[in-house]
Amino acid sequence: MFKTLTTGLINQDPTLTLSCISIMPKLKSHRGAKKRFKLTATGKIKRKRAYLRHLLAAKSKRQKRALRKPGYVFKGEAKTIRTLISV
């Protein structure tokens, strides 16, 4: 929003420069979220599944094998995570 607003102002008044127009600063990405989530080529957010850190002797081979596959973030949470990883 701010980019289109500032470029529109500069185009209307050539005496204005970028130094006299305030532009919102960019957000830094959340480093913890950046390490935990990856963006796929189709735009989905990939995550690692839980329950694979301890008490593994009680879990079956089939369950542990299924937990190695990646999980995907739900649409409701994807918007929040996109802002955290600054995409």
PDB file of N, CA and C in Angstrom:
ATOM      1  N   MET A   1       0.818  -1.187   0.000  1.00  0.00           N
ATOM      2  CA  MET A   1       0.000   0.000   0.000  1.00  0.00           C
ATOM      3  C   MET A   1       0.861   1.249   0.000  1.00  0.00           C
ATOM      4  N   PHE A   2       1.898   1.229   0.809  1.00  0.00           N
ATOM      5  CA  PHE A   2       2.712   2.426   0.931  1.00  0.00           C
ATOM      6  C   PHE A   2       3.533   2.683  -0.327  1.00  0.00           C
ATOM      7  N   LYS A   3       3.947   1.622  -1.030  1.00  0.00           N
ATOM      8  CA  LYS A   3       4.712   1.823  -2.254  1.00  0.00           C
ATOM      9  C   LYS A   3       3.875   2.536  -3.313  1.00  0.00           C
ATOM     10  N   THR A   4       2.638   2.058  -3.513  1.00  0.00           N
ATOM     11  CA  THR A   4       1.799   2.677  -4.526  1.00  0.00           C
ATOM     12  C   THR A   4       1.442   4.102  -4.130  1.00  0.00           C
ATOM     13  N   LEU A   5       1.268   4.333  -2.827  1.00  0.00           N
ATOM     14  CA  LEU A   5       0.943   5.669  -2.350  1.00  0.00           C
ATOM     15  C   LEU A   5       2.102   6.626  -2.605  1.00  0.00           C
ATOM     16  N   THR A   6       3.328   6.182  -2.294  1.00  0.00           N
ATOM     17  CA  THR A   6       4.472   7.077  -2.460  1.00  0.00           C
ATOM     18  C   THR A   6       4.780   7.308  -3.938  1.00  0.00           C
ATOM     19  N   THR A   7       4.687   6.277  -4.763  1.00  0.00           N
ATOM     20  CA  THR A   7       4.980   6.484  -6.180  1.00  0.00           C
ATOM     21  C   THR A   7       3.924   7.368  -6.819  1.00  0.00           C
ATOM     22  N   GLY A   8       2.688   7.259  -6.340  1.00  0.00           N
ATOM     23  CA  GLY A   8       1.633   8.130  -6.851  1.00  0.00           C
ATOM     24  C   GLY A   8       1.896   9.586  -6.486  1.00  0.00           C
ATOM     25  N   LEU A   9       2.380   9.796  -5.248  1.00  0.00           N
ATOM     26  CA  LEU A   9       2.682  11.168  -4.823  1.00  0.00           C
ATOM     27  C   LEU A   9       3.852  11.753  -5.610  1.00  0.00           C
ATOM     28  N   ILE A  10       4.858  10.937  -5.855  1.00  0.00           N
ATOM     29  CA  ILE A  10       6.025  11.432  -6.587  1.00  0.00           C
ATOM     30  C   ILE A  10       5.645  11.750  -8.028  1.00  0.00           C
ATOM     31  N   ASN A  11       4.794  10.932  -8.623  1.00  0.00           N
ATOM     32  CA  ASN A  11       4.375  11.176 -10.002  1.00  0.00           C
ATOM     33  C   ASN A  11       3.536  12.450 -10.107  1.00  0.00           C
ATOM     34  N   GLN A  12       2.751  12.755  -9.072  1.00  0.00           N
ATOM     35  CA  GLN A  12       1.923  13.954  -9.109  1.00  0.00           C
ATOM     36  C   GLN A  12       2.749  15.219  -8.882  1.00  0.00           C
ATOM     37  N   ASP A  13       3.700  15.173  -7.965  1.00  0.00           N
ATOM     38  CA  ASP A  13       4.486  16.353  -7.630  1.00  0.00           C
ATOM     39  C   ASP A  13       5.966  16.024  -7.786  1.00  0.00           C
ATOM     40  N   PRO A  14       6.608  16.475  -8.845  1.00  0.00           N
ATOM     41  CA  PRO A  14       8.016  16.112  -9.082  1.00  0.00           C
ATOM     42  C   PRO A  14       8.979  16.732  -8.076  1.00  0.00           C
ATOM     43  N   THR A  15       8.530  17.721  -7.282  1.00  0.00           N
ATOM     44  CA  THR A  15       9.439  18.322  -6.297  1.00  0.00           C
ATOM     45  C   THR A  15       9.617  17.443  -5.070  1.00  0.00           C
ATOM     46  N   LEU A  16       8.701  16.471  -4.862  1.00  0.00           N
ATOM     47  CA  LEU A  16       8.826  15.570  -3.725  1.00  0.00           C
ATOM     48  C   LEU A  16       9.920  14.544  -3.989  1.00  0.00           C
ATOM     49  N   THR A  17      10.680  14.235  -2.974  1.00  0.00           N
ATOM     50  CA  THR A  17      11.690  13.182  -3.076  1.00  0.00           C
ATOM     51  C   THR A  17      11.349  12.093  -2.080  1.00  0.00           C
ATOM     52  N   LEU A  18      12.026  10.953  -2.200  1.00  0.00           N
ATOM     53  CA  LEU A  18      11.757   9.846  -1.285  1.00  0.00           C
ATOM     54  C   LEU A  18      12.170  10.178   0.137  1.00  0.00           C
ATOM     55  N   SER A  19      13.107  11.110   0.330  1.00  0.00           N
ATOM     56  CA  SER A  19      13.560  11.423   1.676  1.00  0.00           C
ATOM     57  C   SER A  19      12.493  12.154   2.490  1.00  0.00           C
ATOM     58  N   CYS A  20      11.596  12.879   1.832  1.00  0.00           N
ATOM     59  CA  CYS A  20      10.588  13.617   2.581  1.00  0.00           C
ATOM     60  C   CYS A  20       9.296  12.829   2.744  1.00  0.00           C
ATOM     61  N   ILE A  21       9.188  11.634   2.177  1.00  0.00           N
ATOM     62  CA  ILE A  21       8.008  10.787   2.326  1.00  0.00           C
ATOM     63  C   ILE A  21       8.384   9.628   3.220  1.00  0.00           C
ATOM     64  N   SER A  22       7.593   9.400   4.270  1.00  0.00           N
ATOM     65  CA  SER A  22       7.917   8.321   5.193  1.00  0.00           C
ATOM     66  C   SER A  22       7.401   7.002   4.631  1.00  0.00           C
ATOM     67  N   ILE A  23       8.267   5.995   4.617  1.00  0.00           N
ATOM     68  CA  ILE A  23       7.922   4.650   4.158  1.00  0.00           C
ATOM     69  C   ILE A  23       8.039   3.725   5.358  1.00  0.00           C
ATOM     70  N   MET A  24       7.054   2.850   5.511  1.00  0.00           N
ATOM     71  CA  MET A  24       7.073   1.926   6.643  1.00  0.00           C
ATOM     72  C   MET A  24       8.280   0.993   6.532  1.00  0.00           C
ATOM     73  N   PRO A  25       8.932   0.678   7.655  1.00  0.00           N
ATOM     74  CA  PRO A  25      10.084  -0.237   7.593  1.00  0.00           C
ATOM     75  C   PRO A  25       9.638  -1.667   7.340  1.00  0.00           C
ATOM     76  N   LYS A  26      10.521  -2.436   6.755  1.00  0.00           N
ATOM     77  CA  LYS A  26      10.229  -3.848   6.520  1.00  0.00           C
ATOM     78  C   LYS A  26      10.293  -4.607   7.838  1.00  0.00           C
ATOM     79  N   LEU A  27       9.504  -5.685   7.942  1.00  0.00           N
ATOM     80  CA  LEU A  27       9.525  -6.517   9.135  1.00  0.00           C
ATOM     81  C   LEU A  27      10.647  -7.534   9.035  1.00  0.00           C
ATOM     82  N   LYS A  28      11.318  -7.787  10.149  1.00  0.00           N
ATOM     83  CA  LYS A  28      12.324  -8.845  10.167  1.00  0.00           C
ATOM     84  C   LYS A  28      11.606 -10.180  10.274  1.00  0.00           C
ATOM     85  N   SER A  29      12.191 -11.207   9.675  1.00  0.00           N
ATOM     86  CA  SER A  29      11.565 -12.521   9.753  1.00  0.00           C
ATOM     87  C   SER A  29      11.862 -13.132  11.117  1.00  0.00           C
ATOM     88  N   HIS A  30      10.932 -13.926  11.605  1.00  0.00           N
ATOM     89  CA  HIS A  30      11.079 -14.618  12.882  1.00  0.00           C
ATOM     90  C   HIS A  30      12.032 -15.780  12.663  1.00  0.00           C
ATOM     91  N   ARG A  31      13.195 -15.731  13.310  1.00  0.00           N
ATOM     92  CA  ARG A  31      14.242 -16.709  13.015  1.00  0.00           C
ATOM     93  C   ARG A  31      13.831 -18.131  13.412  1.00  0.00           C
ATOM     94  N   GLY A  32      13.064 -18.279  14.486  1.00  0.00           N
ATOM     95  CA  GLY A  32      12.609 -19.609  14.886  1.00  0.00           C
ATOM     96  C   GLY A  32      11.646 -20.196  13.874  1.00  0.00           C
ATOM     97  N   ALA A  33      10.733 -19.366  13.363  1.00  0.00           N
ATOM     98  CA  ALA A  33       9.768 -19.829  12.365  1.00  0.00           C
ATOM     99  C   ALA A  33      10.463 -20.113  11.046  1.00  0.00           C
ATOM    100  N   LYS A  34      11.473 -19.322  10.714  1.00  0.00           N
ATOM    101  CA  LYS A  34      12.205 -19.503   9.458  1.00  0.00           C
ATOM    102  C   LYS A  34      12.899 -20.870   9.425  1.00  0.00           C
ATOM    103  N   LYS A  35      13.341 -21.343  10.590  1.00  0.00           N
ATOM    104  CA  LYS A  35      14.017 -22.637  10.666  1.00  0.00           C
ATOM    105  C   LYS A  35      13.026 -23.807  10.678  1.00  0.00           C
ATOM    106  N   ARG A  36      11.800 -23.563  11.132  1.00  0.00           N
ATOM    107  CA  ARG A  36      10.832 -24.647  11.283  1.00  0.00           C
ATOM    108  C   ARG A  36       9.933 -24.863  10.074  1.00  0.00           C
ATOM    109  N   PHE A  37       9.744 -23.847   9.260  1.00  0.00           N
ATOM    110  CA  PHE A  37       8.817 -23.935   8.143  1.00  0.00           C
ATOM    111  C   PHE A  37       9.509 -23.639   6.827  1.00  0.00           C
ATOM    112  N   LYS A  38       9.114 -24.366   5.783  1.00  0.00           N
ATOM    113  CA  LYS A  38       9.637 -24.143   4.437  1.00  0.00           C
ATOM    114  C   LYS A  38       8.457 -23.915   3.499  1.00  0.00           C
ATOM    115  N   LEU A  39       8.688 -23.124   2.477  1.00  0.00           N
ATOM    116  CA  LEU A  39       7.646 -22.842   1.501  1.00  0.00           C
ATOM    117  C   LEU A  39       7.844 -23.757   0.293  1.00  0.00           C
ATOM    118  N   THR A  40       6.782 -24.444  -0.149  1.00  0.00           N
ATOM    119  CA  THR A  40       6.879 -25.328  -1.303  1.00  0.00           C
ATOM    120  C   THR A  40       6.718 -24.518  -2.589  1.00  0.00           C
ATOM    121  N   ALA A  41       6.937 -25.147  -3.714  1.00  0.00           N
ATOM    122  CA  ALA A  41       6.819 -24.459  -5.008  1.00  0.00           C
ATOM    123  C   ALA A  41       5.377 -24.064  -5.312  1.00  0.00           C
ATOM    124  N   THR A  42       4.417 -24.808  -4.747  1.00  0.00           N
ATOM    125  CA  THR A  42       3.007 -24.486  -4.990  1.00  0.00           C
ATOM    126  C   THR A  42       2.474 -23.447  -4.016  1.00  0.00           C
ATOM    127  N   GLY A  43       3.300 -23.041  -3.037  1.00  0.00           N
ATOM    128  CA  GLY A  43       2.883 -22.011  -2.086  1.00  0.00           C
ATOM    129  C   GLY A  43       2.411 -22.539  -0.751  1.00  0.00           C
ATOM    130  N   LYS A  44       2.415 -23.858  -0.569  1.00  0.00           N
ATOM    131  CA  LYS A  44       2.027 -24.423   0.723  1.00  0.00           C
ATOM    132  C   LYS A  44       3.197 -24.282   1.696  1.00  0.00           C
ATOM    133  N   ILE A  45       2.879 -24.344   2.984  1.00  0.00           N
ATOM    134  CA  ILE A  45       3.919 -24.253   4.004  1.00  0.00           C
ATOM    135  C   ILE A  45       4.116 -25.638   4.606  1.00  0.00           C
ATOM    136  N   LYS A  46       5.352 -26.119   4.510  1.00  0.00           N
ATOM    137  CA  LYS A  46       5.688 -27.458   4.971  1.00  0.00           C
ATOM    138  C   LYS A  46       6.246 -27.375   6.389  1.00  0.00           C
ATOM    139  N   ARG A  47       5.918 -28.374   7.211  1.00  0.00           N
ATOM    140  CA  ARG A  47       6.394 -28.420   8.588  1.00  0.00           C
ATOM    141  C   ARG A  47       6.803 -29.844   8.939  1.00  0.00           C
ATOM    142  N   LYS A  48       7.502 -29.999  10.053  1.00  0.00           N
ATOM    143  CA  LYS A  48       7.865 -31.326  10.537  1.00  0.00           C
ATOM    144  C   LYS A  48       6.788 -31.813  11.495  1.00  0.00           C
ATOM    145  N   ARG A  49       6.555 -33.114  11.495  1.00  0.00           N
ATOM    146  CA  ARG A  49       5.529 -33.681  12.371  1.00  0.00           C
ATOM    147  C   ARG A  49       6.072 -33.870  13.790  1.00  0.00           C
ATOM    148  N   ALA A  50       5.169 -33.894  14.743  1.00  0.00           N
ATOM    149  CA  ALA A  50       5.529 -34.068  16.157  1.00  0.00           C
ATOM    150  C   ALA A  50       5.571 -35.555  16.513  1.00  0.00           C
ATOM    151  N   TYR A  51       5.863 -35.842  17.766  1.00  0.00           N
ATOM    152  CA  TYR A  51       5.851 -37.192  18.352  1.00  0.00           C
ATOM    153  C   TYR A  51       6.982 -38.085  17.844  1.00  0.00           C
ATOM    154  N   LEU A  52       8.100 -37.526  17.501  1.00  0.00           N
ATOM    155  CA  LEU A  52       9.198 -38.360  17.016  1.00  0.00           C
ATOM    156  C   LEU A  52      10.506 -38.030  17.748  1.00  0.00           C
ATOM    157  N   ARG A  53      10.403 -37.570  18.993  1.00  0.00           N
ATOM    158  CA  ARG A  53      11.590 -37.176  19.751  1.00  0.00           C
ATOM    159  C   ARG A  53      11.948 -38.149  20.872  1.00  0.00           C
ATOM    160  N   HIS A  54      10.965 -38.687  21.570  1.00  0.00           N
ATOM    161  CA  HIS A  54      11.269 -39.601  22.671  1.00  0.00           C
ATOM    162  C   HIS A  54      10.153 -40.630  22.789  1.00  0.00           C
ATOM    163  N   LEU A  55      10.368 -41.620  23.628  1.00  0.00           N
ATOM    164  CA  LEU A  55       9.441 -42.760  23.801  1.00  0.00           C
ATOM    165  C   LEU A  55       9.187 -43.466  22.474  1.00  0.00           C
ATOM    166  N   LEU A  56      10.246 -43.664  21.702  1.00  0.00           N
ATOM    167  CA  LEU A  56      10.100 -44.253  20.371  1.00  0.00           C
ATOM    168  C   LEU A  56       9.956 -45.771  20.414  1.00  0.00           C
ATOM    169  N   ALA A  57      10.380 -46.387  21.518  1.00  0.00           N
ATOM    170  CA  ALA A  57      10.267 -47.848  21.616  1.00  0.00           C
ATOM    171  C   ALA A  57       8.798 -48.265  21.695  1.00  0.00           C
ATOM    172  N   ALA A  58       7.953 -47.416  22.222  1.00  0.00           N
ATOM    173  CA  ALA A  58       6.534 -47.743  22.359  1.00  0.00           C
ATOM    174  C   ALA A  58       5.764 -47.553  21.055  1.00  0.00           C
ATOM    175  N   LYS A  59       6.347 -46.862  20.098  1.00  0.00           N
ATOM    176  CA  LYS A  59       5.661 -46.591  18.831  1.00  0.00           C
ATOM    177  C   LYS A  59       6.037 -47.649  17.801  1.00  0.00           C
ATOM    178  N   SER A  60       5.101 -47.990  16.952  1.00  0.00           N
ATOM    179  CA  SER A  60       5.358 -49.019  15.946  1.00  0.00           C
ATOM    180  C   SER A  60       6.220 -48.459  14.812  1.00  0.00           C
ATOM    181  N   LYS A  61       6.812 -49.354  14.036  1.00  0.00           N
ATOM    182  CA  LYS A  61       7.623 -48.932  12.896  1.00  0.00           C
ATOM    183  C   LYS A  61       6.775 -48.180  11.879  1.00  0.00           C
ATOM    184  N   ARG A  62       5.571 -48.633  11.703  1.00  0.00           N
ATOM    185  CA  ARG A  62       4.665 -47.989  10.742  1.00  0.00           C
ATOM    186  C   ARG A  62       4.354 -46.549  11.170  1.00  0.00           C
ATOM    187  N   GLN A  63       4.113 -46.362  12.462  1.00  0.00           N
ATOM    188  CA  GLN A  63       3.810 -45.018  12.969  1.00  0.00           C
ATOM    189  C   GLN A  63       5.017 -44.095  12.818  1.00  0.00           C
ATOM    190  N   LYS A  64       6.203 -44.600  13.157  1.00  0.00           N
ATOM    191  CA  LYS A  64       7.412 -43.773  13.047  1.00  0.00           C
ATOM    192  C   LYS A  64       7.724 -43.450  11.589  1.00  0.00           C
ATOM    193  N   ARG A  65       7.486 -44.382  10.697  1.00  0.00           N
ATOM    194  CA  ARG A  65       7.707 -44.151   9.272  1.00  0.00           C
ATOM    195  C   ARG A  65       6.743 -43.091   8.741  1.00  0.00           C
ATOM    196  N   ALA A  66       5.492 -43.141   9.194  1.00  0.00           N
ATOM    197  CA  ALA A  66       4.509 -42.155   8.752  1.00  0.00           C
ATOM    198  C   ALA A  66       4.825 -40.769   9.304  1.00  0.00           C
ATOM    199  N   LEU A  67       5.409 -40.701  10.494  1.00  0.00           N
ATOM    200  CA  LEU A  67       5.740 -39.411  11.100  1.00  0.00           C
ATOM    201  C   LEU A  67       6.946 -38.740  10.431  1.00  0.00           C
ATOM    202  N   ARG A  68       7.728 -39.515   9.675  1.00  0.00           N
ATOM    203  CA  ARG A  68       8.862 -38.921   8.954  1.00  0.00           C
ATOM    204  C   ARG A  68       8.408 -38.094   7.760  1.00  0.00           C
ATOM    205  N   LYS A  69       7.219 -38.361   7.260  1.00  0.00           N
ATOM    206  CA  LYS A  69       6.711 -37.602   6.114  1.00  0.00           C
ATOM    207  C   LYS A  69       6.374 -36.181   6.555  1.00  0.00           C
ATOM    208  N   PRO A  70       6.495 -35.206   5.658  1.00  0.00           N
ATOM    209  CA  PRO A  70       6.219 -33.821   6.063  1.00  0.00           C
ATOM    210  C   PRO A  70       4.732 -33.579   6.260  1.00  0.00           C
ATOM    211  N   GLY A  71       4.442 -32.645   7.141  1.00  0.00           N
ATOM    212  CA  GLY A  71       3.070 -32.197   7.337  1.00  0.00           C
ATOM    213  C   GLY A  71       2.921 -30.827   6.702  1.00  0.00           C
ATOM    214  N   TYR A  72       1.685 -30.398   6.497  1.00  0.00           N
ATOM    215  CA  TYR A  72       1.432 -29.089   5.897  1.00  0.00           C
ATOM    216  C   TYR A  72       0.581 -28.262   6.847  1.00  0.00           C
ATOM    217  N   VAL A  73       0.841 -26.989   6.883  1.00  0.00           N
ATOM    218  CA  VAL A  73       0.142 -26.080   7.784  1.00  0.00           C
ATOM    219  C   VAL A  73      -1.261 -25.820   7.244  1.00  0.00           C
ATOM    220  N   PHE A  74      -2.243 -25.730   8.137  1.00  0.00           N
ATOM    221  CA  PHE A  74      -3.608 -25.444   7.737  1.00  0.00           C
ATOM    222  C   PHE A  74      -3.732 -24.012   7.238  1.00  0.00           C
ATOM    223  N   LYS A  75      -4.729 -23.764   6.400  1.00  0.00           N
ATOM    224  CA  LYS A  75      -4.902 -22.454   5.774  1.00  0.00           C
ATOM    225  C   LYS A  75      -5.062 -21.334   6.796  1.00  0.00           C
ATOM    226  N   GLY A  76      -5.755 -21.614   7.893  1.00  0.00           N
ATOM    227  CA  GLY A  76      -5.976 -20.592   8.906  1.00  0.00           C
ATOM    228  C   GLY A  76      -4.698 -20.116   9.562  1.00  0.00           C
ATOM    229  N   GLU A  77      -3.756 -21.029   9.766  1.00  0.00           N
ATOM    230  CA  GLU A  77      -2.485 -20.679  10.397  1.00  0.00           C
ATOM    231  C   GLU A  77      -1.457 -20.223   9.371  1.00  0.00           C
ATOM    232  N   ALA A  78      -1.677 -20.537   8.099  1.00  0.00           N
ATOM    233  CA  ALA A  78      -0.690 -20.219   7.062  1.00  0.00           C
ATOM    234  C   ALA A  78      -0.479 -18.719   6.925  1.00  0.00           C
ATOM    235  N   LYS A  79      -1.534 -17.945   7.081  1.00  0.00           N
ATOM    236  CA  LYS A  79      -1.413 -16.486   6.945  1.00  0.00           C
ATOM    237  C   LYS A  79      -0.489 -15.921   8.020  1.00  0.00           C
ATOM    238  N   THR A  80      -0.637 -16.397   9.251  1.00  0.00           N
ATOM    239  CA  THR A  80       0.206 -15.939  10.350  1.00  0.00           C
ATOM    240  C   THR A  80       1.661 -16.336  10.121  1.00  0.00           C
ATOM    241  N   ILE A  81       1.880 -17.562   9.673  1.00  0.00           N
ATOM    242  CA  ILE A  81       3.243 -18.044   9.479  1.00  0.00           C
ATOM    243  C   ILE A  81       3.908 -17.337   8.312  1.00  0.00           C
ATOM    244  N   ARG A  82       3.144 -17.004   7.286  1.00  0.00           N
ATOM    245  CA  ARG A  82       3.708 -16.235   6.157  1.00  0.00           C
ATOM    246  C   ARG A  82       4.259 -14.892   6.623  1.00  0.00           C
ATOM    247  N   THR A  83       3.550 -14.235   7.533  1.00  0.00           N
ATOM    248  CA  THR A  83       4.059 -12.957   8.036  1.00  0.00           C
ATOM    249  C   THR A  83       5.289 -13.167   8.896  1.00  0.00           C
ATOM    250  N   LEU A  84       5.346 -14.294   9.638  1.00  0.00           N
ATOM    251  CA  LEU A  84       6.516 -14.560  10.469  1.00  0.00           C
ATOM    252  C   LEU A  84       7.760 -14.837   9.642  1.00  0.00           C
ATOM    253  N   ILE A  85       7.599 -15.579   8.549  1.00  0.00           N
ATOM    254  CA  ILE A  85       8.770 -15.894   7.729  1.00  0.00           C
ATOM    255  C   ILE A  85       8.980 -14.860   6.634  1.00  0.00           C
ATOM    256  N   SER A  86       8.160 -13.810   6.636  1.00  0.00           N
ATOM    257  CA  SER A  86       8.294 -12.664   5.720  1.00  0.00           C
ATOM    258  C   SER A  86       8.290 -13.067   4.256  1.00  0.00           C
ATOM    259  N   VAL A  87       7.208 -13.723   3.863  1.00  0.00           N
ATOM    260  CA  VAL A  87       7.052 -14.103   2.447  1.00  0.00           C
ATOM    261  C   VAL A  87       5.996 -13.235   1.835  1.00  0.00           C
TER     262      VAL A  87
END
